[in-house]
Amino acid sequence: MKNIKFLVYLIFLVWLLSNHLSCISAKSHKHRKLQKAISFSQERAAISSNSLNVLNYGAKGDGIADDTNAFEAAWAEACKVSGSVVTVPSGSVFLVKPISFSGANCQPNLVFQLDGKIIAPKSSGAWGLQWLDFTKLQGITIRGNGIIDGQGSVWWNDYLDTNPTYESEAEADGGSPDWENAEAKGQMPSTKPTALRFYGSTDVTVTGITIQNSPQTHLKFDDCNGVQVFGISISSPGNSPNTDGIHLQNSKDVVIHTTSLACGDDCISIQTGCSGIYVHNVNCGPGHGISIGGLGKDGTRACVSNVTVRDSTIQNTLNGVRIKTWQGGSGSVQGVMFSNIQVSEVENPIVIDQYYCDGSHHCPNKTSAVAISGVSYQSIKGTYTSNPVRFACSDSTPCSGITLSTIDLNPSSQAKNDNPFCWEAFGELQTATTPTISCLRTGGPSRKHINNNGGSC
């Protein structure tokens, strides 16, 4: 009997202990949920506190008032905290004068969320080389569905009024109009700014936005490493002077894809100091095509390497894929591939020009040149209106290592139907081509030419 009572008592103690432990567990779980909710709430509050709307810093967003100071104030605050977001909200138009978003004292990984519209002033004033300038930043992203509008017609009209022969490429690539006379008449300054520039920055991303009607180049990267550009749109009229779409110089590891480019100059311009450039799935036109150069101007040394342009369309442009260098320069272009390019109504689909000269310069023959080697053209197809292939290479530094395969270029109904042209161009036809490119020389240039390449990189 005593044993039975003891067993019942023991079971009762176990039941009490079990209930107590369950209660503690439930309270602990409830406490953890509460802590998690508090932590999530704090995280959201932190994110919210780091999102800086320019309207909260005095911007009017009416397209009339000067909102420059508000943008500067929001940026200064954002720079204090890593990962901050400067927000330019949708539904508003912000008039902003030339401004520098400097990163010298900024924390990394800032975001410029552009969903509204930013417009440039139409009046002359304190203009410089850039309009919206992002400098010396570590991790900077510009994203959104917004618009950057350079309102460039006030600049182009001045140019065209003083440069009536602009339609030729000579003036388009650097002709000098009578700007002193233009400024004396109260027109825009002689130096036309780039709409959006990144300088001396790493891990740069530009996505989603539209850049339109820049006075000059729309988007420029100078001395940048690790650049991604995708899902953007760039547009200006085909006769707008010097309005390159994307301009690269002294920049490395750049990827540009899924982007539409329509402008009055090169859709993409790749200049000296660039390497590791990968362009794919872009749509170019109108414009002057996708270009490497001009390189070696005024006897300078230029180095470009490891460039790939593929899976893209080019239509209604002056050129397709082009490499252009000035006489008298030095350095090299090497390791270039143009692959799976569809051209339509392009004047000159494939171009190498080592005698490049614009209309504002006297360009006498010179012995040195930027050496061009290792250039591959694969699956370039479509229609042309002037000359399908033009390789104008240097007498002293011929082009070498040119390979062509699956070239199928046919004259449009308005074409002059010119034959391919080659001068001092060495390489190999890996397949039959249309038209037949019989002018390409097999083998390679002589040892004399190899040793006279103007200085390698």
Foldseek 3Di string as FASTA:
>chain_A
DVVVVVVVVVVVVVVVVVVVVVVVVVVVVVVVVVVVVVVVVVVVVVLVVLEAELVVQPFPQAQPDESAVSVVVSLVVNQVDAAGEYEDDAPGEHEYFADESENPSGHAAYEYEAAYEYEYDLAADPDDAARYEYEQHEHYEYAYQYEYEDQQPLLQVLVCVQVVPLVDVQCLVPNQGPQVVSVVVRGYHRRFYEYYEYENYEQYEYANYEYENGNAEHYEYYLYENYEYAHYEYEDALSRGRHEDYEYELYEQYEYAHYEAEDNEEPYEYWFNYENYEYEHYEYDAYAEHEYDQYCPPAEEGEYEAHEYEHYEYENYQEHYEYEYDANYAAEYAHYEYEHYEYEAYAEYAYYYFHDHHPNDDHDHDQETHAYEHYEYYQYEYEHAEEHAEAHAGPLHAYYAYEYENAYYYYDPNHPPDYHYHDSAEHYYPYAYVVGDPPHHYDHDDPRSVVRHRDYD
